[in-house]
Amino acid sequence: GDRLAGIYRDFGFGSRTGVELPGE
């Protein structure tokens, strides 16, 4: 579970991308 969650987070899941649009 921990390594799988880490892989997903490395790919950007679980955090905002920072795109210039409101409400992300």
mmCIF file of all heavy atoms, coordinates in Angstrom:
data_MODEL
# 
_entry.id   MODEL 
# 
loop_
_atom_site.group_PDB 
_atom_site.id 
_atom_site.type_symbol 
_atom_site.label_atom_id 
_atom_site.label_alt_id 
_atom_site.label_comp_id 
_atom_site.label_asym_id 
_atom_site.label_entity_id 
_atom_site.label_seq_id 
_atom_site.pdbx_PDB_ins_code 
_atom_site.Cartn_x 
_atom_site.Cartn_y 
_atom_site.Cartn_z 
_atom_site.occupancy 
_atom_site.B_iso_or_equiv 
_atom_site.pdbx_formal_charge 
_atom_site.auth_seq_id 
_atom_site.auth_comp_id 
_atom_site.auth_asym_id 
_atom_site.auth_atom_id 
_atom_site.pdbx_PDB_model_num 
ATOM 1   N N   . GLY A 1 1  ? 0.790   -1.222 0.000   1.00 0.00 ? 1  GLY A N   1 
ATOM 2   C CA  . GLY A 1 1  ? 0.000   0.000  0.000   1.00 0.00 ? 1  GLY A CA  1 
ATOM 3   C C   . GLY A 1 1  ? 0.821   1.270  0.000   1.00 0.00 ? 1  GLY A C   1 
ATOM 4   O O   . GLY A 1 1  ? 0.526   2.219  -0.729  1.00 0.00 ? 1  GLY A O   1 
ATOM 5   N N   . ASP A 1 2  ? 1.875   1.321  0.810   1.00 0.00 ? 2  ASP A N   1 
ATOM 6   C CA  . ASP A 1 2  ? 2.665   2.545  0.913   1.00 0.00 ? 2  ASP A CA  1 
ATOM 7   C C   . ASP A 1 2  ? 3.407   2.851  -0.385  1.00 0.00 ? 2  ASP A C   1 
ATOM 8   O O   . ASP A 1 2  ? 3.427   4.000  -0.845  1.00 0.00 ? 2  ASP A O   1 
ATOM 9   C CB  . ASP A 1 2  ? 3.663   2.439  2.064   1.00 0.00 ? 2  ASP A CB  1 
ATOM 10  C CG  . ASP A 1 2  ? 2.976   2.434  3.423   1.00 0.00 ? 2  ASP A CG  1 
ATOM 11  O OD1 . ASP A 1 2  ? 1.801   2.856  3.490   1.00 0.00 ? 2  ASP A OD1 1 
ATOM 12  O OD2 . ASP A 1 2  ? 3.602   1.992  4.400   1.00 0.00 ? 2  ASP A OD2 1 
ATOM 13  N N   . ARG A 1 3  ? 4.015   1.838  -0.975  1.00 0.00 ? 3  ARG A N   1 
ATOM 14  C CA  . ARG A 1 3  ? 4.754   2.069  -2.229  1.00 0.00 ? 3  ARG A CA  1 
ATOM 15  C C   . ARG A 1 3  ? 3.799   2.414  -3.369  1.00 0.00 ? 3  ARG A C   1 
ATOM 16  O O   . ARG A 1 3  ? 4.101   3.269  -4.208  1.00 0.00 ? 3  ARG A O   1 
ATOM 17  C CB  . ARG A 1 3  ? 5.584   0.839  -2.595  1.00 0.00 ? 3  ARG A CB  1 
ATOM 18  C CG  . ARG A 1 3  ? 6.776   0.601  -1.663  1.00 0.00 ? 3  ARG A CG  1 
ATOM 19  C CD  . ARG A 1 3  ? 7.470   -0.709 -1.981  1.00 0.00 ? 3  ARG A CD  1 
ATOM 20  N NE  . ARG A 1 3  ? 8.207   -0.661 -3.233  1.00 0.00 ? 3  ARG A NE  1 
ATOM 21  C CZ  . ARG A 1 3  ? 8.755   -1.715 -3.829  1.00 0.00 ? 3  ARG A CZ  1 
ATOM 22  N NH1 . ARG A 1 3  ? 8.612   -2.923 -3.271  1.00 0.00 ? 3  ARG A NH1 1 
ATOM 23  N NH2 . ARG A 1 3  ? 9.429   -1.597 -4.951  1.00 0.00 ? 3  ARG A NH2 1 
ATOM 24  N N   . LEU A 1 4  ? 2.643   1.754  -3.407  1.00 0.00 ? 4  LEU A N   1 
ATOM 25  C CA  . LEU A 1 4  ? 1.668   2.057  -4.453  1.00 0.00 ? 4  LEU A CA  1 
ATOM 26  C C   . LEU A 1 4  ? 1.173   3.492  -4.334  1.00 0.00 ? 4  LEU A C   1 
ATOM 27  O O   . LEU A 1 4  ? 1.108   4.229  -5.327  1.00 0.00 ? 4  LEU A O   1 
ATOM 28  C CB  . LEU A 1 4  ? 0.490   1.090  -4.369  1.00 0.00 ? 4  LEU A CB  1 
ATOM 29  C CG  . LEU A 1 4  ? -0.646  1.315  -5.371  1.00 0.00 ? 4  LEU A CG  1 
ATOM 30  C CD1 . LEU A 1 4  ? -0.131  1.256  -6.798  1.00 0.00 ? 4  LEU A CD1 1 
ATOM 31  C CD2 . LEU A 1 4  ? -1.766  0.299  -5.158  1.00 0.00 ? 4  LEU A CD2 1 
ATOM 32  N N   . ALA A 1 5  ? 0.851   3.904  -3.103  1.00 0.00 ? 5  ALA A N   1 
ATOM 33  C CA  . ALA A 1 5  ? 0.418   5.287  -2.896  1.00 0.00 ? 5  ALA A CA  1 
ATOM 34  C C   . ALA A 1 5  ? 1.529   6.262  -3.279  1.00 0.00 ? 5  ALA A C   1 
ATOM 35  O O   . ALA A 1 5  ? 1.273   7.321  -3.867  1.00 0.00 ? 5  ALA A O   1 
ATOM 36  C CB  . ALA A 1 5  ? 0.008   5.500  -1.441  1.00 0.00 ? 5  ALA A CB  1 
ATOM 37  N N   . GLY A 1 6  ? 2.775   5.908  -2.979  1.00 0.00 ? 6  GLY A N   1 
ATOM 38  C CA  . GLY A 1 6  ? 3.902   6.762  -3.346  1.00 0.00 ? 6  GLY A CA  1 
ATOM 39  C C   . GLY A 1 6  ? 4.056   6.911  -4.841  1.00 0.00 ? 6  GLY A C   1 
ATOM 40  O O   . GLY A 1 6  ? 4.375   7.998  -5.346  1.00 0.00 ? 6  GLY A O   1 
ATOM 41  N N   . ILE A 1 7  ? 3.831   5.815  -5.579  1.00 0.00 ? 7  ILE A N   1 
ATOM 42  C CA  . ILE A 1 7  ? 3.907   5.884  -7.046  1.00 0.00 ? 7  ILE A CA  1 
ATOM 43  C C   . ILE A 1 7  ? 2.855   6.837  -7.583  1.00 0.00 ? 7  ILE A C   1 
ATOM 44  O O   . ILE A 1 7  ? 3.138   7.690  -8.436  1.00 0.00 ? 7  ILE A O   1 
ATOM 45  C CB  . ILE A 1 7  ? 3.734   4.476  -7.657  1.00 0.00 ? 7  ILE A CB  1 
ATOM 46  C CG1 . ILE A 1 7  ? 4.979   3.633  -7.400  1.00 0.00 ? 7  ILE A CG1 1 
ATOM 47  C CG2 . ILE A 1 7  ? 3.440   4.557  -9.155  1.00 0.00 ? 7  ILE A CG2 1 
ATOM 48  C CD1 . ILE A 1 7  ? 4.813   2.169  -7.761  1.00 0.00 ? 7  ILE A CD1 1 
ATOM 49  N N   . TYR A 1 8  ? 1.630   6.692  -7.086  1.00 0.00 ? 8  TYR A N   1 
ATOM 50  C CA  . TYR A 1 8  ? 0.558   7.570  -7.553  1.00 0.00 ? 8  TYR A CA  1 
ATOM 51  C C   . TYR A 1 8  ? 0.855   9.032  -7.233  1.00 0.00 ? 8  TYR A C   1 
ATOM 52  O O   . TYR A 1 8  ? 0.633   9.923  -8.060  1.00 0.00 ? 8  TYR A O   1 
ATOM 53  C CB  . TYR A 1 8  ? -0.769  7.160  -6.917  1.00 0.00 ? 8  TYR A CB  1 
ATOM 54  C CG  . TYR A 1 8  ? -1.364  5.885  -7.487  1.00 0.00 ? 8  TYR A CG  1 
ATOM 55  C CD1 . TYR A 1 8  ? -2.340  5.173  -6.779  1.00 0.00 ? 8  TYR A CD1 1 
ATOM 56  C CD2 . TYR A 1 8  ? -0.966  5.390  -8.717  1.00 0.00 ? 8  TYR A CD2 1 
ATOM 57  C CE1 . TYR A 1 8  ? -2.896  4.009  -7.291  1.00 0.00 ? 8  TYR A CE1 1 
ATOM 58  C CE2 . TYR A 1 8  ? -1.512  4.223  -9.239  1.00 0.00 ? 8  TYR A CE2 1 
ATOM 59  C CZ  . TYR A 1 8  ? -2.475  3.539  -8.523  1.00 0.00 ? 8  TYR A CZ  1 
ATOM 60  O OH  . TYR A 1 8  ? -3.026  2.393  -9.034  1.00 0.00 ? 8  TYR A OH  1 
ATOM 61  N N   . ARG A 1 9  ? 1.378   9.283  -6.054  1.00 0.00 ? 9  ARG A N   1 
ATOM 62  C CA  . ARG A 1 9  ? 1.696   10.666 -5.678  1.00 0.00 ? 9  ARG A CA  1 
ATOM 63  C C   . ARG A 1 9  ? 2.838   11.214 -6.529  1.00 0.00 ? 9  ARG A C   1 
ATOM 64  O O   . ARG A 1 9  ? 2.852   12.397 -6.863  1.00 0.00 ? 9  ARG A O   1 
ATOM 65  C CB  . ARG A 1 9  ? 2.043   10.742 -4.190  1.00 0.00 ? 9  ARG A CB  1 
ATOM 66  C CG  . ARG A 1 9  ? 0.850   10.453 -3.276  1.00 0.00 ? 9  ARG A CG  1 
ATOM 67  C CD  . ARG A 1 9  ? 1.150   10.792 -1.826  1.00 0.00 ? 9  ARG A CD  1 
ATOM 68  N NE  . ARG A 1 9  ? 0.001   10.471 -0.973  1.00 0.00 ? 9  ARG A NE  1 
ATOM 69  C CZ  . ARG A 1 9  ? -0.075  9.401  -0.189  1.00 0.00 ? 9  ARG A CZ  1 
ATOM 70  N NH1 . ARG A 1 9  ? 0.957   8.567  -0.110  1.00 0.00 ? 9  ARG A NH1 1 
ATOM 71  N NH2 . ARG A 1 9  ? -1.149  9.179  0.537   1.00 0.00 ? 9  ARG A NH2 1 
ATOM 72  N N   . ASP A 1 10 ? 3.816   10.363 -6.870  1.00 0.00 ? 10 ASP A N   1 
ATOM 73  C CA  . ASP A 1 10 ? 4.903   10.806 -7.741  1.00 0.00 ? 10 ASP A CA  1 
ATOM 74  C C   . ASP A 1 10 ? 4.380   11.266 -9.097  1.00 0.00 ? 10 ASP A C   1 
ATOM 75  O O   . ASP A 1 10 ? 4.925   12.191 -9.706  1.00 0.00 ? 10 ASP A O   1 
ATOM 76  C CB  . ASP A 1 10 ? 5.925   9.684  -7.942  1.00 0.00 ? 10 ASP A CB  1 
ATOM 77  C CG  . ASP A 1 10 ? 6.820   9.488  -6.728  1.00 0.00 ? 10 ASP A CG  1 
ATOM 78  O OD1 . ASP A 1 10 ? 6.842   10.391 -5.859  1.00 0.00 ? 10 ASP A OD1 1 
ATOM 79  O OD2 . ASP A 1 10 ? 7.486   8.437  -6.645  1.00 0.00 ? 10 ASP A OD2 1 
ATOM 80  N N   . PHE A 1 11 ? 3.318   10.615 -9.582  1.00 0.00 ? 11 PHE A N   1 
ATOM 81  C CA  . PHE A 1 11 ? 2.718   10.994 -10.860 1.00 0.00 ? 11 PHE A CA  1 
ATOM 82  C C   . PHE A 1 11 ? 1.792   12.200 -10.739 1.00 0.00 ? 11 PHE A C   1 
ATOM 83  O O   . PHE A 1 11 ? 1.167   12.595 -11.725 1.00 0.00 ? 11 PHE A O   1 
ATOM 84  C CB  . PHE A 1 11 ? 1.955   9.816  -11.470 1.00 0.00 ? 11 PHE A CB  1 
ATOM 85  C CG  . PHE A 1 11 ? 2.815   8.900  -12.291 1.00 0.00 ? 11 PHE A CG  1 
ATOM 86  C CD1 . PHE A 1 11 ? 3.317   7.724  -11.759 1.00 0.00 ? 11 PHE A CD1 1 
ATOM 87  C CD2 . PHE A 1 11 ? 3.138   9.215  -13.607 1.00 0.00 ? 11 PHE A CD2 1 
ATOM 88  C CE1 . PHE A 1 11 ? 4.107   6.872  -12.516 1.00 0.00 ? 11 PHE A CE1 1 
ATOM 89  C CE2 . PHE A 1 11 ? 3.927   8.376  -14.373 1.00 0.00 ? 11 PHE A CE2 1 
ATOM 90  C CZ  . PHE A 1 11 ? 4.419   7.200  -13.834 1.00 0.00 ? 11 PHE A CZ  1 
ATOM 91  N N   . GLY A 1 12 ? 1.688   12.774 -9.545  1.00 0.00 ? 12 GLY A N   1 
ATOM 92  C CA  . GLY A 1 12 ? 0.919   14.007 -9.373  1.00 0.00 ? 12 GLY A CA  1 
ATOM 93  C C   . GLY A 1 12 ? -0.468  13.832 -8.801  1.00 0.00 ? 12 GLY A C   1 
ATOM 94  O O   . GLY A 1 12 ? -1.175  14.831 -8.583  1.00 0.00 ? 12 GLY A O   1 
ATOM 95  N N   . PHE A 1 13 ? -0.885  12.598 -8.536  1.00 0.00 ? 13 PHE A N   1 
ATOM 96  C CA  . PHE A 1 13 ? -2.212  12.382 -7.981  1.00 0.00 ? 13 PHE A CA  1 
ATOM 97  C C   . PHE A 1 13 ? -2.213  12.725 -6.493  1.00 0.00 ? 13 PHE A C   1 
ATOM 98  O O   . PHE A 1 13 ? -1.252  12.464 -5.783  1.00 0.00 ? 13 PHE A O   1 
ATOM 99  C CB  . PHE A 1 13 ? -2.653  10.939 -8.205  1.00 0.00 ? 13 PHE A CB  1 
ATOM 100 C CG  . PHE A 1 13 ? -2.699  10.555 -9.661  1.00 0.00 ? 13 PHE A CG  1 
ATOM 101 C CD1 . PHE A 1 13 ? -1.696  9.777  -10.217 1.00 0.00 ? 13 PHE A CD1 1 
ATOM 102 C CD2 . PHE A 1 13 ? -3.726  11.012 -10.468 1.00 0.00 ? 13 PHE A CD2 1 
ATOM 103 C CE1 . PHE A 1 13 ? -1.720  9.437  -11.559 1.00 0.00 ? 13 PHE A CE1 1 
ATOM 104 C CE2 . PHE A 1 13 ? -3.757  10.675 -11.815 1.00 0.00 ? 13 PHE A CE2 1 
ATOM 105 C CZ  . PHE A 1 13 ? -2.753  9.888  -12.370 1.00 0.00 ? 13 PHE A CZ  1 
ATOM 106 N N   . GLY A 1 14 ? -3.317  13.321 -6.043  1.00 0.00 ? 14 GLY A N   1 
ATOM 107 C CA  . GLY A 1 14 ? -3.410  13.727 -4.647  1.00 0.00 ? 14 GLY A CA  1 
ATOM 108 C C   . GLY A 1 14 ? -2.940  15.138 -4.382  1.00 0.00 ? 14 GLY A C   1 
ATOM 109 O O   . GLY A 1 14 ? -2.983  15.606 -3.241  1.00 0.00 ? 14 GLY A O   1 
ATOM 110 N N   . SER A 1 15 ? -2.501  15.866 -5.422  1.00 0.00 ? 15 SER A N   1 
ATOM 111 C CA  . SER A 1 15 ? -2.091  17.265 -5.256  1.00 0.00 ? 15 SER A CA  1 
ATOM 112 C C   . SER A 1 15 ? -2.476  18.041 -6.511  1.00 0.00 ? 15 SER A C   1 
ATOM 113 O O   . SER A 1 15 ? -2.576  17.480 -7.602  1.00 0.00 ? 15 SER A O   1 
ATOM 114 C CB  . SER A 1 15 ? -0.579  17.375 -5.011  1.00 0.00 ? 15 SER A CB  1 
ATOM 115 O OG  . SER A 1 15 ? 0.141   16.804 -6.086  1.00 0.00 ? 15 SER A OG  1 
ATOM 116 N N   . ARG A 1 16 ? -2.695  19.319 -6.356  1.00 0.00 ? 16 ARG A N   1 
ATOM 117 C CA  . ARG A 1 16 ? -3.104  20.167 -7.482  1.00 0.00 ? 16 ARG A CA  1 
ATOM 118 C C   . ARG A 1 16 ? -1.949  20.339 -8.468  1.00 0.00 ? 16 ARG A C   1 
ATOM 119 O O   . ARG A 1 16 ? -0.794  20.425 -8.073  1.00 0.00 ? 16 ARG A O   1 
ATOM 120 C CB  . ARG A 1 16 ? -3.590  21.520 -6.982  1.00 0.00 ? 16 ARG A CB  1 
ATOM 121 C CG  . ARG A 1 16 ? -4.872  21.428 -6.160  1.00 0.00 ? 16 ARG A CG  1 
ATOM 122 C CD  . ARG A 1 16 ? -5.316  22.804 -5.653  1.00 0.00 ? 16 ARG A CD  1 
ATOM 123 N NE  . ARG A 1 16 ? -6.584  22.705 -4.945  1.00 0.00 ? 16 ARG A NE  1 
ATOM 124 C CZ  . ARG A 1 16 ? -6.709  22.424 -3.657  1.00 0.00 ? 16 ARG A CZ  1 
ATOM 125 N NH1 . ARG A 1 16 ? -5.611  22.204 -2.929  1.00 0.00 ? 16 ARG A NH1 1 
ATOM 126 N NH2 . ARG A 1 16 ? -7.896  22.349 -3.090  1.00 0.00 ? 16 ARG A NH2 1 
ATOM 127 N N   . THR A 1 17 ? -2.297  20.458 -9.733  1.00 0.00 ? 17 THR A N   1 
ATOM 128 C CA  . THR A 1 17 ? -1.269  20.616 -10.772 1.00 0.00 ? 17 THR A CA  1 
ATOM 129 C C   . THR A 1 17 ? -0.744  22.040 -10.843 1.00 0.00 ? 17 THR A C   1 
ATOM 130 O O   . THR A 1 17 ? 0.349   22.269 -11.349 1.00 0.00 ? 17 THR A O   1 
ATOM 131 C CB  . THR A 1 17 ? -1.834  20.241 -12.147 1.00 0.00 ? 17 THR A CB  1 
ATOM 132 O OG1 . THR A 1 17 ? -2.854  21.190 -12.524 1.00 0.00 ? 17 THR A OG1 1 
ATOM 133 C CG2 . THR A 1 17 ? -2.424  18.840 -12.150 1.00 0.00 ? 17 THR A CG2 1 
ATOM 134 N N   . GLY A 1 18 ? -1.544  23.024 -10.366 1.00 0.00 ? 18 GLY A N   1 
ATOM 135 C CA  . GLY A 1 18 ? -1.132  24.422 -10.445 1.00 0.00 ? 18 GLY A CA  1 
ATOM 136 C C   . GLY A 1 18 ? -1.561  25.103 -11.721 1.00 0.00 ? 18 GLY A C   1 
ATOM 137 O O   . GLY A 1 18 ? -1.090  26.200 -12.032 1.00 0.00 ? 18 GLY A O   1 
ATOM 138 N N   . VAL A 1 19 ? -2.491  24.510 -12.477 1.00 0.00 ? 19 VAL A N   1 
ATOM 139 C CA  . VAL A 1 19 ? -2.978  25.137 -13.702 1.00 0.00 ? 19 VAL A CA  1 
ATOM 140 C C   . VAL A 1 19 ? -3.698  26.442 -13.364 1.00 0.00 ? 19 VAL A C   1 
ATOM 141 O O   . VAL A 1 19 ? -4.241  26.608 -12.269 1.00 0.00 ? 19 VAL A O   1 
ATOM 142 C CB  . VAL A 1 19 ? -3.933  24.171 -14.456 1.00 0.00 ? 19 VAL A CB  1 
ATOM 143 C CG1 . VAL A 1 19 ? -5.243  24.008 -13.708 1.00 0.00 ? 19 VAL A CG1 1 
ATOM 144 C CG2 . VAL A 1 19 ? -4.164  24.631 -15.886 1.00 0.00 ? 19 VAL A CG2 1 
ATOM 145 N N   . GLU A 1 20 ? -3.714  27.381 -14.328 1.00 0.00 ? 20 GLU A N   1 
ATOM 146 C CA  . GLU A 1 20 ? -4.238  28.722 -14.067 1.00 0.00 ? 20 GLU A CA  1 
ATOM 147 C C   . GLU A 1 20 ? -5.760  28.777 -14.143 1.00 0.00 ? 20 GLU A C   1 
ATOM 148 O O   . GLU A 1 20 ? -6.341  29.616 -14.842 1.00 0.00 ? 20 GLU A O   1 
ATOM 149 C CB  . GLU A 1 20 ? -3.653  29.732 -15.065 1.00 0.00 ? 20 GLU A CB  1 
ATOM 150 C CG  . GLU A 1 20 ? -2.145  29.757 -15.132 1.00 0.00 ? 20 GLU A CG  1 
ATOM 151 C CD  . GLU A 1 20 ? -1.588  28.917 -16.274 1.00 0.00 ? 20 GLU A CD  1 
ATOM 152 O OE1 . GLU A 1 20 ? -2.161  27.833 -16.538 1.00 0.00 ? 20 GLU A OE1 1 
ATOM 153 O OE2 . GLU A 1 20 ? -0.614  29.340 -16.900 1.00 0.00 ? 20 GLU A OE2 1 
ATOM 154 N N   . LEU A 1 21 ? -6.442  27.910 -13.433 1.00 0.00 ? 21 LEU A N   1 
ATOM 155 C CA  . LEU A 1 21 ? -7.899  27.893 -13.398 1.00 0.00 ? 21 LEU A CA  1 
ATOM 156 C C   . LEU A 1 21 ? -8.363  27.768 -11.956 1.00 0.00 ? 21 LEU A C   1 
ATOM 157 O O   . LEU A 1 21 ? -7.728  27.068 -11.156 1.00 0.00 ? 21 LEU A O   1 
ATOM 158 C CB  . LEU A 1 21 ? -8.455  26.725 -14.230 1.00 0.00 ? 21 LEU A CB  1 
ATOM 159 C CG  . LEU A 1 21 ? -8.451  26.899 -15.743 1.00 0.00 ? 21 LEU A CG  1 
ATOM 160 C CD1 . LEU A 1 21 ? -8.818  25.596 -16.440 1.00 0.00 ? 21 LEU A CD1 1 
ATOM 161 C CD2 . LEU A 1 21 ? -9.418  28.005 -16.170 1.00 0.00 ? 21 LEU A CD2 1 
ATOM 162 N N   . PRO A 1 22 ? -9.471  28.406 -11.602 1.00 0.00 ? 22 PRO A N   1 
ATOM 163 C CA  . PRO A 1 22 ? -9.950  28.337 -10.210 1.00 0.00 ? 22 PRO A CA  1 
ATOM 164 C C   . PRO A 1 22 ? -10.634 27.012 -9.905  1.00 0.00 ? 22 PRO A C   1 
ATOM 165 O O   . PRO A 1 22 ? -11.153 26.334 -10.794 1.00 0.00 ? 22 PRO A O   1 
ATOM 166 C CB  . PRO A 1 22 ? -10.961 29.494 -10.147 1.00 0.00 ? 22 PRO A CB  1 
ATOM 167 C CG  . PRO A 1 22 ? -11.477 29.627 -11.547 1.00 0.00 ? 22 PRO A CG  1 
ATOM 168 C CD  . PRO A 1 22 ? -10.308 29.295 -12.446 1.00 0.00 ? 22 PRO A CD  1 
ATOM 169 N N   . GLY A 1 23 ? -10.626 26.655 -8.643  1.00 0.00 ? 23 GLY A N   1 
ATOM 170 C CA  . GLY A 1 23 ? -11.386 25.494 -8.186  1.00 0.00 ? 23 GLY A CA  1 
ATOM 171 C C   . GLY A 1 23 ? -10.787 24.149 -8.503  1.00 0.00 ? 23 GLY A C   1 
ATOM 172 O O   . GLY A 1 23 ? -11.509 23.141 -8.526  1.00 0.00 ? 23 GLY A O   1 
ATOM 173 N N   . GLU A 1 24 ? -9.471  24.076 -8.733  1.00 0.00 ? 24 GLU A N   1 
ATOM 174 C CA  . GLU A 1 24 ? -8.881  22.789 -9.092  1.00 0.00 ? 24 GLU A CA  1 
ATOM 175 C C   . GLU A 1 24 ? -8.954  21.806 -7.927  1.00 0.00 ? 24 GLU A C   1 
ATOM 176 O O   . GLU A 1 24 ? -8.673  22.145 -6.783  1.00 0.00 ? 24 GLU A O   1 
ATOM 177 C CB  . GLU A 1 24 ? -7.424  22.955 -9.519  1.00 0.00 ? 24 GLU A CB  1 
ATOM 178 C CG  . GLU A 1 24 ? -6.805  21.629 -9.960  1.00 0.00 ? 24 GLU A CG  1 
ATOM 179 C CD  . GLU A 1 24 ? -5.337  21.731 -10.327 1.00 0.00 ? 24 GLU A CD  1 
ATOM 180 O OE1 . GLU A 1 24 ? -4.731  22.788 -10.097 1.00 0.00 ? 24 GLU A OE1 1 
ATOM 181 O OE2 . GLU A 1 24 ? -4.799  20.732 -10.851 1.00 0.00 ? 24 GLU A OE2 1 
# 
